[in-house]
C-alpha atoms as a PDB file:
ATOM      1  CA  MET A   1      68.756  67.836 -23.065  1.00  0.00           C
ATOM      2  CA  PRO A   2      71.367  65.492 -23.206  1.00  0.00           C
ATOM      3  CA  LEU A   3      70.694  62.148 -21.322  1.00  0.00           C
ATOM      4  CA  THR A   4      72.155  61.451 -18.009  1.00  0.00           C
ATOM      5  CA  ILE A   5      73.947  57.453 -18.568  1.00  0.00           C
ATOM      6  CA  MET A   6      75.547  56.096 -15.554  1.00  0.00           C
ATOM      7  CA  TRP A   7      75.617  53.061 -13.752  1.00  0.00           C
ATOM      8  CA  ILE A   8      74.533  52.948 -10.364  1.00  0.00           C
ATOM      9  CA  GLU A   9      74.352  50.707  -7.439  1.00  0.00           C
ATOM     10  CA  LYS A  10      71.630  48.047  -6.983  1.00  0.00           C
ATOM     11  CA  SER A  11      69.917  49.030  -3.388  1.00  0.00           C
ATOM     12  CA  PRO A  12      69.844  46.273  -0.550  1.00  0.00           C
ATOM     13  CA  ARG A  13      66.251  45.146  -1.305  1.00  0.00           C
ATOM     14  CA  GLU A  14      67.164  44.701  -5.185  1.00  0.00           C
ATOM     15  CA  LEU A  15      69.980  42.633  -4.773  1.00  0.00           C
ATOM     16  CA  ALA A  16      67.874  40.523  -1.990  1.00  0.00           C
ATOM     17  CA  GLY A  17      65.360  39.796  -4.595  1.00  0.00           C
ATOM     18  CA  GLU A  18      67.538  38.886  -7.382  1.00  0.00           C
ATOM     19  CA  LEU A  19      69.394  36.379  -4.888  1.00  0.00           C
ATOM     20  CA  ARG A  20      66.255  34.868  -4.000  1.00  0.00           C
ATOM     21  CA  ALA A  21      64.742  34.448  -7.890  1.00  0.00           C
ATOM     22  CA  ARG A  22      68.567  32.738  -8.271  1.00  0.00           C
ATOM     23  CA  ARG A  23      68.236  30.243  -5.378  1.00  0.00           C
ATOM     24  CA  LEU A  24      64.348  29.533  -5.948  1.00  0.00           C
ATOM     25  CA  ALA A  25      65.517  29.037  -9.847  1.00  0.00           C
ATOM     26  CA  ALA A  26      67.948  26.781  -8.492  1.00  0.00           C
ATOM     27  CA  SER A  27      65.720  24.696  -6.184  1.00  0.00           C
ATOM     28  CA  LEU A  28      62.949  24.114  -9.200  1.00  0.00           C
ATOM     29  CA  CYS A  29      65.415  23.083 -11.337  1.00  0.00           C
ATOM     30  CA  GLY A  30      66.948  20.810  -9.075  1.00  0.00           C
ATOM     31  CA  LEU A  31      63.914  19.372  -8.356  1.00  0.00           C
ATOM     32  CA  ALA A  32      63.237  18.319 -11.562  1.00  0.00           C
ATOM     33  CA  LEU A  33      66.393  16.887 -12.462  1.00  0.00           C
ATOM     34  CA  ALA A  34      65.993  14.742  -9.546  1.00  0.00           C
ATOM     35  CA  CYS A  35      62.251  13.790 -10.695  1.00  0.00           C
ATOM     36  CA  LEU A  36      64.134  13.477 -14.296  1.00  0.00           C
ATOM     37  CA  LEU A  37      66.503  11.162 -13.174  1.00  0.00           C
ATOM     38  CA  CYS A  38      64.036   9.025 -10.570  1.00  0.00           C
ATOM     39  CA  VAL A  39      61.589   8.602 -13.826  1.00  0.00           C
ATOM     40  CA  ALA A  40      65.137   7.459 -15.652  1.00  0.00           C
ATOM     41  CA  VAL A  41      67.143   5.598 -13.891  1.00  0.00           C
ATOM     42  CA  ILE A  42      65.316   4.018 -10.510  1.00  0.00           C
ATOM     43  CA  PRO A  43      63.538   1.316 -11.084  1.00  0.00           C
ATOM     44  CA  HIS A  44      59.789   0.877 -10.111  1.00  0.00           C
ATOM     45  CA  PRO A  45      58.203  -1.689  -8.833  1.00  0.00           C
ATOM     46  CA  GLY A  46      54.651  -2.649  -8.813  1.00  0.00           C
ATOM     47  CA  PHE A  47      53.918  -0.612 -12.572  1.00  0.00           C
ATOM     48  CA  SER A  48      56.071  -0.335 -15.471  1.00  0.00           C
ATOM     49  CA  VAL A  49      57.454   3.171 -17.324  1.00  0.00           C
ATOM     50  CA  SER A  50      57.795   2.852 -20.969  1.00  0.00           C
ATOM     51  CA  ASN A  51      61.602   2.177 -22.527  1.00  0.00           C
ATOM     52  CA  GLY A  52      60.623   5.688 -24.652  1.00  0.00           C
ATOM     53  CA  VAL A  53      59.594   7.697 -21.205  1.00  0.00           C
ATOM     54  CA  GLN A  54      62.375   6.713 -19.975  1.00  0.00           C
ATOM     55  CA  ILE A  55      64.625   7.470 -22.500  1.00  0.00           C
ATOM     56  CA  GLY A  56      63.131  11.111 -22.915  1.00  0.00           C
ATOM     57  CA  ALA A  57      63.550  12.145 -18.985  1.00  0.00           C
ATOM     58  CA  ALA A  58      67.416  10.620 -19.174  1.00  0.00           C
ATOM     59  CA  LEU A  59      67.742  13.349 -22.542  1.00  0.00           C
ATOM     60  CA  ALA A  60      65.688  15.783 -20.591  1.00  0.00           C
ATOM     61  CA  ALA A  61      67.778  15.388 -17.773  1.00  0.00           C
ATOM     62  CA  GLY A  62      70.916  15.801 -19.324  1.00  0.00           C
ATOM     63  CA  VAL A  63      69.809  19.058 -21.430  1.00  0.00           C
ATOM     64  CA  LEU A  64      68.995  20.732 -18.002  1.00  0.00           C
ATOM     65  CA  LEU A  65      72.495  19.486 -16.813  1.00  0.00           C
ATOM     66  CA  LEU A  66      74.062  20.950 -19.452  1.00  0.00           C
ATOM     67  CA  ALA A  67      72.117  24.417 -19.539  1.00  0.00           C
ATOM     68  CA  TRP A  68      72.923  24.460 -15.994  1.00  0.00           C
ATOM     69  CA  GLY A  69      76.663  24.385 -16.767  1.00  0.00           C
ATOM     70  CA  ARG A  70      76.510  26.883 -19.532  1.00  0.00           C
ATOM     71  CA  ARG A  71      74.378  29.235 -17.151  1.00  0.00           C
ATOM     72  CA  ALA A  72      77.391  28.950 -14.312  1.00  0.00           C
ATOM     73  CA  ARG A  73      79.870  29.248 -16.855  1.00  0.00           C
ATOM     74  CA  CYS A  74      78.356  32.769 -17.934  1.00  0.00           C
ATOM     75  CA  ARG A  75      78.081  33.821 -14.679  1.00  0.00           C
ATOM     76  CA  ARG A  76      82.051  33.000 -13.691  1.00  0.00           C
ATOM     77  CA  ILE A  77      82.494  35.323 -16.756  1.00  0.00           C
ATOM     78  CA  ARG A  78      80.265  37.932 -15.799  1.00  0.00           C
ATOM     79  CA  SER A  79      81.346  38.088 -12.096  1.00  0.00           C
ATOM     80  CA  SER A  80      84.959  39.075 -13.628  1.00  0.00           C
ATOM     81  CA  VAL A  81      83.321  42.660 -15.138  1.00  0.00           C
ATOM     82  CA  ARG A  82      83.550  45.430 -13.102  1.00  0.00           C
ATOM     83  CA  ILE A  83      82.971  49.301 -13.149  1.00  0.00           C
ATOM     84  CA  CYS A  84      84.244  52.105 -11.938  1.00  0.00           C
ATOM     85  CA  GLN A  85      81.648  54.077  -9.785  1.00  0.00           C
ATOM     86  CA  LYS A  86      83.160  57.319 -10.804  1.00  0.00           C
ATOM     87  CA  CYS A  87      84.068  57.340 -14.346  1.00  0.00           C
ATOM     88  CA  ASN A  88      81.393  54.566 -15.300  1.00  0.00           C
ATOM     89  CA  MET A  89      84.319  52.581 -17.396  1.00  0.00           C
ATOM     90  CA  VAL A  90      83.771  48.644 -17.968  1.00  0.00           C
ATOM     91  CA  LYS A  91      86.726  46.977 -16.690  1.00  0.00           C
ATOM     92  CA  VAL A  92      87.364  42.719 -17.166  1.00  0.00           C
ATOM     93  CA  ASP A  93      89.511  40.190 -16.225  1.00  0.00           C
ATOM     94  CA  GLU A  94      91.062  43.179 -13.475  1.00  0.00           C
ATOM     95  CA  ASN A  95      92.300  41.971 -10.349  1.00  0.00           C
ATOM     96  CA  GLN A  96      92.275  45.748  -9.036  1.00  0.00           C
ATOM     97  CA  GLU A  97      89.690  47.339  -6.549  1.00  0.00           C
ATOM     98  CA  THR A  98      90.710  51.034  -8.008  1.00  0.00           C
ATOM     99  CA  CYS A  99      90.154  52.681 -11.064  1.00  0.00           C
ATOM    100  CA  VAL A 100      93.136  54.967 -12.918  1.00  0.00           C
ATOM    101  CA  CYS A 101      90.374  57.445 -12.191  1.00  0.00           C
ATOM    102  CA  GLY A 102      90.450  57.324  -8.132  1.00  0.00           C
ATOM    103  CA  GLY A 103      87.679  55.619  -8.542  1.00  0.00           C
ATOM    104  CA  GLY A 104      86.366  52.053  -6.968  1.00  0.00           C
ATOM    105  CA  LEU A 105      85.647  48.988  -9.047  1.00  0.00           C
ATOM    106  CA  ARG A 106      81.937  47.420  -8.097  1.00  0.00           C
ATOM    107  CA  PRO A 107      81.191  43.864  -9.407  1.00  0.00           C
ATOM    108  CA  LEU A 108      78.546  44.394 -11.856  1.00  0.00           C
ATOM    109  CA  CYS A 109      76.236  42.249 -10.573  1.00  0.00           C
ATOM    110  CA  GLU A 110      75.836  44.696  -7.862  1.00  0.00           C
ATOM    111  CA  MET A 111      74.933  47.936 -10.368  1.00  0.00           C
ATOM    112  CA  LYS A 112      72.287  48.638 -12.787  1.00  0.00           C
ATOM    113  CA  TRP A 113      71.998  50.987 -16.088  1.00  0.00           C
ATOM    114  CA  LEU A 114      70.313  53.689 -15.024  1.00  0.00           C
ATOM    115  CA  ASP A 115      69.233  56.070 -18.647  1.00  0.00           C
ATOM    116  CA  SER A 116      66.845  58.955 -17.978  1.00  0.00           C
ATOM    117  CA  PRO A 117      66.338  62.159 -19.181  1.00  0.00           C
ATOM    118  CA  SER A 118      68.131  64.785 -16.994  1.00  0.00           C
ATOM    119  CA  SER A 119      64.817  67.502 -16.687  1.00  0.00           C
ATOM    120  CA  LYS A 120      61.779  66.721 -16.731  1.00  0.00           C
ATOM    121  CA  ALA A 121      61.262  70.177 -18.773  1.00  0.00           C
ATOM    122  CA  ASP A 122      61.837  68.275 -21.752  1.00  0.00           C
ATOM    123  CA  PRO A 123      58.769  66.401 -23.067  1.00  0.00           C
ATOM    124  CA  PRO A 124      59.244  63.636 -25.180  1.00  0.00           C
ATOM    125  CA  PRO A 125      59.926  63.859 -28.893  1.00  0.00           C
ATOM    126  CA  GLY A 126      56.566  62.663 -31.177  1.00  0.00           C
ATOM    127  CA  PRO A 127      53.102  63.677 -30.259  1.00  0.00           C
ATOM    128  CA  SER A 128      51.907  64.147 -26.734  1.00  0.00           C
ATOM    129  CA  ALA A 129      48.617  62.731 -25.560  1.00  0.00           C
ATOM    130  CA  GLU A 130      46.854  65.663 -25.287  1.00  0.00           C
ATOM    131  CA  ASN A 131      47.284  66.631 -29.140  1.00  0.00           C
ATOM    132  CA  ALA A 132      45.893  62.792 -29.777  1.00  0.00           C
ATOM    133  CA  ILE A 133      42.998  63.062 -27.416  1.00  0.00           C
ATOM    134  CA  SER A 134      42.299  66.376 -28.825  1.00  0.00           C
ATOM    135  CA  ALA A 135      42.986  66.012 -32.371  1.00  0.00           C
ATOM    136  CA  ALA A 136      39.794  66.132 -34.633  1.00  0.00           C
ATOM    137  CA  PRO A 137      39.398  63.704 -37.221  1.00  0.00           C
ATOM    138  CA  PRO A 138      40.336  64.603 -40.855  1.00  0.00           C
ATOM    139  CA  ASP A 139      37.552  66.412 -42.928  1.00  0.00           C
ATOM    140  CA  LEU A 140      36.997  63.769 -45.362  1.00  0.00           C
ATOM    141  CA  SER A 141      33.952  66.033 -47.565  1.00  0.00           C
ATOM    142  CA  ARG A 142      36.128  67.145 -50.178  1.00  0.00           C
ATOM    143  CA  ALA A 143      37.819  63.573 -50.743  1.00  0.00           C
ATOM    144  CA  ALA A 144      34.110  62.244 -50.930  1.00  0.00           C
ATOM    145  CA  ALA A 145      33.233  65.269 -53.454  1.00  0.00           C
ATOM    146  CA  ILE A 146      35.712  64.586 -55.637  1.00  0.00           C
ATOM    147  CA  HIS A 147      35.973  61.256 -55.852  1.00  0.00           C
ATOM    148  CA  PRO A 148      32.140  60.378 -55.461  1.00  0.00           C
ATOM    149  CA  GLY A 149      31.067  56.488 -54.344  1.00  0.00           C
ATOM    150  CA  SER A 150      34.808  56.201 -52.827  1.00  0.00           C
ATOM    151  CA  SER A 151      35.423  54.725 -49.800  1.00  0.00           C
ATOM    152  CA  TYR A 152      36.038  58.476 -48.470  1.00  0.00           C
ATOM    153  CA  SER A 153      32.468  59.007 -48.277  1.00  0.00           C
ATOM    154  CA  SER A 154      30.746  57.851 -45.080  1.00  0.00           C
END
């Protein structure tokens, strides 16, 4: 049987979960960046921070800022990708709201890929669990008789 392959809309719960995860990651990244910059830049009266630690904190903050900027650039590119709800065609850098087939275009971030068998009646290829469990171990007595003293004998 052929596979049913298509894009479907994410549920509001999935969208809210992804938004929450992005906000949490951005908050933790911002907190880490602030801590690194405090160690690297702000003087600490009462105790000294070695130059190596300050340089390391400054480098880590720079790497974190570069990664954050790269992620933002990738999100901008990904936000221009749209998917037709009717024909599942993927369009890039299209400002139109409808596809040539007449279907509506939705942003990629609001869609997910569904790849499932169209019928539960067809088992997946390969050995089934019942056969794997009930299969008897191979009879090695003949191999042991042919090759005495080999690893076949038990």
